Amino acid sequence: MASNDELACIYAALILTDDDVAVTDDKLSTILKAANVNVEPFWPTLFAKALSGMNIKDLITNVGAAAMSGGGGAAPAGGDAGEAKEEKKEEKKEESEEESDDDMGFGLFD
């Protein structure tokens, strides 16, 4: 988990990015001093170097894009694709029949 020093630098970097100001160690230090937050002196320099040349707004807006694009496995090749679709449909039908049993008008705690 991030320490308070790290979080303070992250928030300061986000403030600078929101105002379209370049993230530098001097500007991070200025924001931290204005907020009356004391951090170890190496943190602003570390964050400024790590974020130099990065488009922070793109990083923030595309946080879930990588997980969404590479999440699933590849579809089977050839004629197996049609069979896989049929199996999925059958599984869904079986699940819906099981769910309908739950709606018989009585519950576990009645």
Protein backbone atom coordinates (compact mmCIF):
# COMPACT_ATOMS: atom_id res chain seq x y z
CA MET A 1 0.00 0.00 0.00
CA ALA A 2 1.18 3.50 -0.73
CA SER A 3 2.61 5.62 2.04
CA ASN A 4 1.31 9.07 2.89
CA ASP A 5 4.33 10.64 1.14
CA GLU A 6 3.55 8.73 -2.05
CA LEU A 7 -0.13 9.63 -1.92
CA ALA A 8 0.66 13.30 -1.37
CA CYS A 9 2.91 13.31 -4.45
CA ILE A 10 0.28 11.49 -6.48
CA TYR A 11 -2.39 14.02 -5.58
CA ALA A 12 -0.02 16.91 -6.28
CA ALA A 13 0.78 15.42 -9.70
CA LEU A 14 -2.93 15.04 -10.43
CA ILE A 15 -3.53 18.68 -9.49
CA LEU A 16 -0.77 19.83 -11.83
CA THR A 17 -2.06 17.61 -14.62
CA ASP A 18 -5.60 18.89 -14.18
CA ASP A 19 -4.32 22.45 -14.59
CA ASP A 20 -2.28 21.44 -17.68
CA VAL A 21 1.00 22.26 -15.93
CA ALA A 22 4.13 20.19 -16.45
CA VAL A 23 4.92 17.91 -13.51
CA THR A 24 8.33 18.90 -12.14
CA ASP A 25 9.93 18.33 -8.77
CA ASP A 26 9.84 22.06 -8.00
CA LYS A 27 6.13 22.34 -8.77
CA LEU A 28 5.33 19.20 -6.79
CA SER A 29 7.27 20.60 -3.83
CA THR A 30 5.46 23.94 -4.13
CA ILE A 31 2.04 22.29 -4.01
CA LEU A 32 3.06 20.10 -1.09
CA LYS A 33 4.34 23.12 0.85
CA ALA A 34 1.15 25.05 0.09
CA ALA A 35 -0.87 22.12 1.43
CA ASN A 36 1.36 22.01 4.51
CA VAL A 37 2.38 18.42 3.79
CA ASN A 38 5.87 17.32 4.73
CA VAL A 39 7.38 14.55 2.61
CA GLU A 40 10.86 13.15 2.27
CA PRO A 41 12.77 15.31 -0.22
CA PHE A 42 13.37 12.48 -2.71
CA TRP A 43 9.66 11.82 -3.40
CA PRO A 44 8.91 14.87 -5.59
CA THR A 45 12.07 14.25 -7.63
CA LEU A 46 11.23 10.56 -8.01
CA PHE A 47 7.69 11.28 -9.16
CA ALA A 48 8.79 14.04 -11.53
CA LYS A 49 11.29 11.71 -13.20
CA ALA A 50 8.82 8.83 -13.36
CA LEU A 51 6.12 10.99 -14.93
CA SER A 52 8.31 12.93 -17.35
CA GLY A 53 7.22 12.35 -20.91
CA MET A 54 4.04 10.58 -19.80
CA ASN A 55 0.57 11.79 -20.69
CA ILE A 56 -1.06 11.42 -17.30
CA LYS A 57 -4.56 12.23 -18.58
CA ASP A 58 -4.34 9.33 -21.03
CA LEU A 59 -3.14 7.03 -18.27
CA ILE A 60 -6.10 7.96 -16.11
CA THR A 61 -8.72 7.66 -18.84
CA ASN A 62 -7.40 4.31 -20.09
CA VAL A 63 -7.02 2.54 -16.75
CA GLY A 64 -9.51 -0.23 -17.55
CA ALA A 65 -8.85 -0.41 -21.29
CA ALA A 66 -5.94 -2.82 -21.01
CA ALA A 67 -7.90 -5.21 -18.84
CA MET A 68 -10.89 -5.12 -21.15
CA SER A 69 -8.96 -5.65 -24.39
CA GLY A 70 -6.86 -8.63 -23.35
CA GLY A 71 -9.24 -10.33 -20.96
CA GLY A 72 -10.72 -13.17 -22.98
CA GLY A 73 -9.09 -16.10 -24.65
CA ALA A 74 -9.00 -16.69 -28.37
CA ALA A 75 -11.99 -18.24 -30.09
CA PRO A 76 -11.59 -21.80 -31.34
CA ALA A 77 -10.46 -22.11 -34.93
CA GLY A 78 -12.41 -23.67 -37.78
CA GLY A 79 -15.80 -25.36 -37.36
CA ASP A 80 -15.50 -25.58 -33.60
CA ALA A 81 -16.70 -22.00 -33.20
CA GLY A 82 -20.30 -22.88 -34.07
CA GLU A 83 -20.30 -25.80 -31.66
CA ALA A 84 -18.96 -23.60 -28.88
CA LYS A 85 -21.79 -21.12 -29.41
CA GLU A 86 -24.37 -23.91 -29.24
CA GLU A 87 -22.87 -25.20 -26.00
CA LYS A 88 -23.03 -21.73 -24.47
CA LYS A 89 -26.70 -21.42 -25.42
CA GLU A 90 -27.47 -24.80 -23.86
CA GLU A 91 -25.68 -23.79 -20.66
CA LYS A 92 -27.72 -20.59 -20.46
CA LYS A 93 -30.96 -22.54 -20.90
CA GLU A 94 -30.01 -24.95 -18.15
CA GLU A 95 -29.21 -22.08 -15.80
CA SER A 96 -32.52 -20.38 -16.50
CA GLU A 97 -34.39 -23.62 -15.68
CA GLU A 98 -32.54 -23.89 -12.38
CA GLU A 99 -33.33 -20.29 -11.55
CA SER A 100 -37.02 -20.83 -12.25
CA ASP A 101 -37.09 -23.52 -9.53
CA ASP A 102 -36.14 -20.84 -7.01
CA ASP A 103 -39.25 -18.82 -7.77
CA MET A 104 -41.83 -21.40 -6.60
CA GLY A 105 -43.35 -19.12 -3.99
CA PHE A 106 -41.51 -20.35 -0.94
CA GLY A 107 -38.10 -19.57 0.43
CA LEU A 108 -35.57 -21.08 2.71
CA PHE A 109 -36.70 -19.10 5.74
CA ASP A 110 -40.49 -19.26 5.27
